Amino acid sequence: MTTKKMAIIATKGTLDMAYPPLILASTAAALGWDVQIFFTFYGLQLLRKDLSGIKISPLANPAMPMPMPMPVVVSVLPGMEAMATSMMKAKMKKKGVASLEELRSLCQEAEVKFIACQMTVDLFEFSTSEFIDGIEYAGAAAFMKFAGETDVCLFI
């Protein structure tokens, strides 16, 4: 029996888009799958040592459940992003949802391979010291070799 493989491309760095790649990767790894996540462009934010800057934006996110219906124009007001982020984090904590740090650590413990896109690191002039330990730096070609052999490949 061959081991199933999953490749995930993480391109977003917002709170609501940080959870899907980490939840799917940790679940697949728990099922015994070989999993790699390629973090590129804004997805690189998820590899930073400090995740406290990860926010959620109600702007252009009409499906976001709010305590009361709000017109889209309200989402551009100062402080709305901080309020939405605070509300979402409080709701997640109340419901027992793991934090991003916990999910990320769980993935690493389960041997999910984290790959930072070297081109994006160079483009945005990031220093490797800004990122967590235990990740690899590679280009798209290196990731494509693995992705081409997977059972499941997701773009998030």
C-alpha atoms as a PDB file:
ATOM      1  CA  MET A   1       0.000   0.000   0.000  1.00  0.00           C
ATOM      2  CA  THR A   2       1.418   3.389  -0.975  1.00  0.00           C
ATOM      3  CA  THR A   3       1.211   6.439   1.232  1.00  0.00           C
ATOM      4  CA  LYS A   4      -1.241   9.077   0.072  1.00  0.00           C
ATOM      5  CA  LYS A   5       0.229  12.516  -0.632  1.00  0.00           C
ATOM      6  CA  MET A   6      -1.211  16.026  -0.372  1.00  0.00           C
ATOM      7  CA  ALA A   7       0.254  19.277  -1.668  1.00  0.00           C
ATOM      8  CA  ILE A   8      -1.145  22.613  -0.526  1.00  0.00           C
ATOM      9  CA  ILE A   9      -0.245  26.026  -1.908  1.00  0.00           C
ATOM     10  CA  ALA A  10      -0.923  28.719   0.733  1.00  0.00           C
ATOM     11  CA  THR A  11      -1.160  32.193  -0.811  1.00  0.00           C
ATOM     12  CA  LYS A  12      -3.116  34.213   1.748  1.00  0.00           C
ATOM     13  CA  GLY A  13      -1.982  35.706   5.033  1.00  0.00           C
ATOM     14  CA  THR A  14      -5.263  36.640   6.702  1.00  0.00           C
ATOM     15  CA  LEU A  15      -6.729  34.943   9.762  1.00  0.00           C
ATOM     16  CA  ASP A  16      -9.637  33.371   7.885  1.00  0.00           C
ATOM     17  CA  MET A  17      -7.361  32.033   5.131  1.00  0.00           C
ATOM     18  CA  ALA A  18      -4.658  30.797   7.531  1.00  0.00           C
ATOM     19  CA  TYR A  19      -6.798  28.048   9.021  1.00  0.00           C
ATOM     20  CA  PRO A  20      -7.706  25.955   5.939  1.00  0.00           C
ATOM     21  CA  PRO A  21      -4.174  24.921   4.894  1.00  0.00           C
ATOM     22  CA  LEU A  22      -3.130  24.165   8.484  1.00  0.00           C
ATOM     23  CA  ILE A  23      -6.299  22.232   9.355  1.00  0.00           C
ATOM     24  CA  LEU A  24      -6.229  20.208   6.137  1.00  0.00           C
ATOM     25  CA  ALA A  25      -2.496  19.510   6.439  1.00  0.00           C
ATOM     26  CA  SER A  26      -2.671  18.425  10.090  1.00  0.00           C
ATOM     27  CA  THR A  27      -5.696  16.219   9.386  1.00  0.00           C
ATOM     28  CA  ALA A  28      -4.065  14.528   6.401  1.00  0.00           C
ATOM     29  CA  ALA A  29      -0.838  14.018   8.367  1.00  0.00           C
ATOM     30  CA  ALA A  30      -2.841  12.476  11.229  1.00  0.00           C
ATOM     31  CA  LEU A  31      -4.265  10.040   8.664  1.00  0.00           C
ATOM     32  CA  GLY A  32      -0.730   9.054   7.698  1.00  0.00           C
ATOM     33  CA  TRP A  33      -0.450  11.108   4.516  1.00  0.00           C
ATOM     34  CA  ASP A  34       2.773  12.717   3.291  1.00  0.00           C
ATOM     35  CA  VAL A  35       1.984  16.467   3.256  1.00  0.00           C
ATOM     36  CA  GLN A  36       3.787  19.550   2.026  1.00  0.00           C
ATOM     37  CA  ILE A  37       2.645  23.177   2.134  1.00  0.00           C
ATOM     38  CA  PHE A  38       4.215  25.699  -0.233  1.00  0.00           C
ATOM     39  CA  PHE A  39       3.860  29.186   1.262  1.00  0.00           C
ATOM     40  CA  THR A  40       4.051  31.917  -1.346  1.00  0.00           C
ATOM     41  CA  PHE A  41       3.304  35.634  -1.548  1.00  0.00           C
ATOM     42  CA  TYR A  42       1.101  36.650   1.416  1.00  0.00           C
ATOM     43  CA  GLY A  43       0.954  33.056   2.631  1.00  0.00           C
ATOM     44  CA  LEU A  44       4.531  33.576   3.891  1.00  0.00           C
ATOM     45  CA  GLN A  45       3.019  35.538   6.784  1.00  0.00           C
ATOM     46  CA  LEU A  46       1.962  32.194   8.269  1.00  0.00           C
ATOM     47  CA  LEU A  47       5.616  31.193   8.697  1.00  0.00           C
ATOM     48  CA  ARG A  48       6.594  34.275  10.689  1.00  0.00           C
ATOM     49  CA  LYS A  49       7.713  33.725  14.270  1.00  0.00           C
ATOM     50  CA  ASP A  50       5.106  36.211  15.484  1.00  0.00           C
ATOM     51  CA  LEU A  51       1.574  35.598  14.224  1.00  0.00           C
ATOM     52  CA  SER A  52      -0.039  38.380  16.274  1.00  0.00           C
ATOM     53  CA  GLY A  53      -0.223  40.600  13.172  1.00  0.00           C
ATOM     54  CA  ILE A  54      -2.496  38.156  11.329  1.00  0.00           C
ATOM     55  CA  LYS A  55      -5.869  39.856  10.967  1.00  0.00           C
ATOM     56  CA  ILE A  56      -9.233  39.252   9.340  1.00  0.00           C
ATOM     57  CA  SER A  57     -10.885  41.852   7.178  1.00  0.00           C
ATOM     58  CA  PRO A  58     -14.629  42.281   6.927  1.00  0.00           C
ATOM     59  CA  LEU A  59     -14.016  44.261   3.721  1.00  0.00           C
ATOM     60  CA  ALA A  60     -14.921  42.250   0.607  1.00  0.00           C
ATOM     61  CA  ASN A  61     -15.883  39.359   2.851  1.00  0.00           C
ATOM     62  CA  PRO A  62     -19.700  39.468   2.653  1.00  0.00           C
ATOM     63  CA  ALA A  63     -20.145  35.917   3.936  1.00  0.00           C
ATOM     64  CA  MET A  64     -18.497  36.804   7.244  1.00  0.00           C
ATOM     65  CA  PRO A  65     -21.086  36.221   9.976  1.00  0.00           C
ATOM     66  CA  MET A  66     -21.496  39.340  12.081  1.00  0.00           C
ATOM     67  CA  PRO A  67     -23.688  39.797  15.152  1.00  0.00           C
ATOM     68  CA  MET A  68     -25.873  42.103  13.081  1.00  0.00           C
ATOM     69  CA  PRO A  69     -26.126  42.792   9.353  1.00  0.00           C
ATOM     70  CA  MET A  70     -23.817  45.612   8.316  1.00  0.00           C
ATOM     71  CA  PRO A  71     -23.555  47.450   5.034  1.00  0.00           C
ATOM     72  CA  VAL A  72     -20.269  46.906   3.197  1.00  0.00           C
ATOM     73  CA  VAL A  73     -19.407  50.591   3.597  1.00  0.00           C
ATOM     74  CA  VAL A  74     -19.172  50.107   7.387  1.00  0.00           C
ATOM     75  CA  SER A  75     -16.304  47.639   6.913  1.00  0.00           C
ATOM     76  CA  VAL A  76     -14.007  50.418   5.662  1.00  0.00           C
ATOM     77  CA  LEU A  77     -14.354  52.492   8.824  1.00  0.00           C
ATOM     78  CA  PRO A  78     -11.257  52.813  11.023  1.00  0.00           C
ATOM     79  CA  GLY A  79     -11.046  50.085  13.646  1.00  0.00           C
ATOM     80  CA  MET A  80     -13.337  47.613  11.883  1.00  0.00           C
ATOM     81  CA  GLU A  81     -10.503  45.220  10.993  1.00  0.00           C
ATOM     82  CA  ALA A  82      -9.271  45.175  14.604  1.00  0.00           C
ATOM     83  CA  MET A  83     -12.831  44.682  15.861  1.00  0.00           C
ATOM     84  CA  ALA A  84     -13.537  41.849  13.405  1.00  0.00           C
ATOM     85  CA  THR A  85     -10.236  40.156  14.305  1.00  0.00           C
ATOM     86  CA  SER A  86     -10.927  40.462  18.022  1.00  0.00           C
ATOM     87  CA  MET A  87     -14.452  39.094  17.625  1.00  0.00           C
ATOM     88  CA  MET A  88     -13.272  36.145  15.533  1.00  0.00           C
ATOM     89  CA  LYS A  89     -10.446  35.251  17.924  1.00  0.00           C
ATOM     90  CA  ALA A  90     -12.826  35.436  20.902  1.00  0.00           C
ATOM     91  CA  LYS A  91     -15.371  33.216  19.137  1.00  0.00           C
ATOM     92  CA  MET A  92     -12.678  30.673  18.225  1.00  0.00           C
ATOM     93  CA  LYS A  93     -11.368  30.584  21.781  1.00  0.00           C
ATOM     94  CA  LYS A  94     -14.900  30.162  23.160  1.00  0.00           C
ATOM     95  CA  LYS A  95     -15.537  27.256  20.760  1.00  0.00           C
ATOM     96  CA  GLY A  96     -12.180  25.611  21.553  1.00  0.00           C
ATOM     97  CA  VAL A  97     -10.640  26.135  18.116  1.00  0.00           C
ATOM     98  CA  ALA A  98      -6.872  25.761  18.189  1.00  0.00           C
ATOM     99  CA  SER A  99      -4.797  28.891  17.687  1.00  0.00           C
ATOM    100  CA  LEU A 100      -2.711  29.337  14.556  1.00  0.00           C
ATOM    101  CA  GLU A 101       0.430  28.762  16.610  1.00  0.00           C
ATOM    102  CA  GLU A 102      -0.997  25.492  17.957  1.00  0.00           C
ATOM    103  CA  LEU A 103      -2.051  24.275  14.506  1.00  0.00           C
ATOM    104  CA  ARG A 104       1.283  25.216  13.006  1.00  0.00           C
ATOM    105  CA  SER A 105       3.152  23.349  15.768  1.00  0.00           C
ATOM    106  CA  LEU A 106       0.860  20.356  15.345  1.00  0.00           C
ATOM    107  CA  CYS A 107       1.685  20.279  11.630  1.00  0.00           C
ATOM    108  CA  GLN A 108       5.402  20.397  12.333  1.00  0.00           C
ATOM    109  CA  GLU A 109       5.134  17.652  14.954  1.00  0.00           C
ATOM    110  CA  ALA A 110       3.261  15.535  12.389  1.00  0.00           C
ATOM    111  CA  GLU A 111       6.121  16.120   9.919  1.00  0.00           C
ATOM    112  CA  VAL A 112       4.199  18.309   7.493  1.00  0.00           C
ATOM    113  CA  LYS A 113       6.876  19.867   5.324  1.00  0.00           C
ATOM    114  CA  PHE A 114       6.715  23.669   5.236  1.00  0.00           C
ATOM    115  CA  ILE A 115       8.335  25.239   2.170  1.00  0.00           C
ATOM    116  CA  ALA A 116       8.826  29.001   1.903  1.00  0.00           C
ATOM    117  CA  CYS A 117       8.868  30.249  -1.681  1.00  0.00           C
ATOM    118  CA  GLN A 118      12.419  31.501  -2.160  1.00  0.00           C
ATOM    119  CA  MET A 119      11.368  33.890  -4.942  1.00  0.00           C
ATOM    120  CA  THR A 120       8.805  35.554  -2.687  1.00  0.00           C
ATOM    121  CA  VAL A 121      11.267  35.748   0.225  1.00  0.00           C
ATOM    122  CA  ASP A 122      13.673  37.537  -2.125  1.00  0.00           C
ATOM    123  CA  LEU A 123      10.960  39.711  -3.688  1.00  0.00           C
ATOM    124  CA  PHE A 124       9.778  41.098  -0.359  1.00  0.00           C
ATOM    125  CA  GLU A 125      13.334  41.197   1.030  1.00  0.00           C
ATOM    126  CA  PHE A 126      12.491  39.030   4.028  1.00  0.00           C
ATOM    127  CA  SER A 127      15.237  37.710   6.249  1.00  0.00           C
ATOM    128  CA  THR A 128      15.167  34.019   7.159  1.00  0.00           C
ATOM    129  CA  SER A 129      15.477  35.136  10.792  1.00  0.00           C
ATOM    130  CA  GLU A 130      11.876  36.401  10.575  1.00  0.00           C
ATOM    131  CA  PHE A 131      10.585  32.860  10.064  1.00  0.00           C
ATOM    132  CA  ILE A 132      10.144  29.853  12.341  1.00  0.00           C
ATOM    133  CA  ASP A 133      12.726  27.100  12.444  1.00  0.00           C
ATOM    134  CA  GLY A 134      12.261  23.836  10.602  1.00  0.00           C
ATOM    135  CA  ILE A 135      11.145  25.189   7.234  1.00  0.00           C
ATOM    136  CA  GLU A 136      12.756  24.796   3.838  1.00  0.00           C
ATOM    137  CA  TYR A 137      13.335  27.439   1.196  1.00  0.00           C
ATOM    138  CA  ALA A 138      12.777  26.405  -2.415  1.00  0.00           C
ATOM    139  CA  GLY A 139      11.403  27.558  -5.711  1.00  0.00           C
ATOM    140  CA  ALA A 140       8.223  26.477  -7.415  1.00  0.00           C
ATOM    141  CA  ALA A 141      10.048  23.889  -9.527  1.00  0.00           C
ATOM    142  CA  ALA A 142      11.172  21.968  -6.441  1.00  0.00           C
ATOM    143  CA  PHE A 143       7.626  21.958  -5.051  1.00  0.00           C
ATOM    144  CA  MET A 144       6.133  20.941  -8.413  1.00  0.00           C
ATOM    145  CA  LYS A 145       8.038  17.666  -8.352  1.00  0.00           C
ATOM    146  CA  PHE A 146       6.196  16.667  -5.164  1.00  0.00           C
ATOM    147  CA  ALA A 147       2.883  18.240  -6.253  1.00  0.00           C
ATOM    148  CA  GLY A 148       2.960  16.277  -9.506  1.00  0.00           C
ATOM    149  CA  GLU A 149       3.019  13.008  -7.552  1.00  0.00           C
ATOM    150  CA  THR A 150       0.199  13.805  -5.123  1.00  0.00           C
ATOM    151  CA  ASP A 151      -3.268  12.371  -4.706  1.00  0.00           C
ATOM    152  CA  VAL A 152      -4.635  15.766  -3.635  1.00  0.00           C
ATOM    153  CA  CYS A 153      -3.316  19.203  -4.604  1.00  0.00           C
ATOM    154  CA  LEU A 154      -5.017  22.316  -3.223  1.00  0.00           C
ATOM    155  CA  PHE A 155      -4.577  26.036  -3.936  1.00  0.00           C
ATOM    156  CA  ILE A 156      -5.702  28.139  -0.968  1.00  0.00           C
END
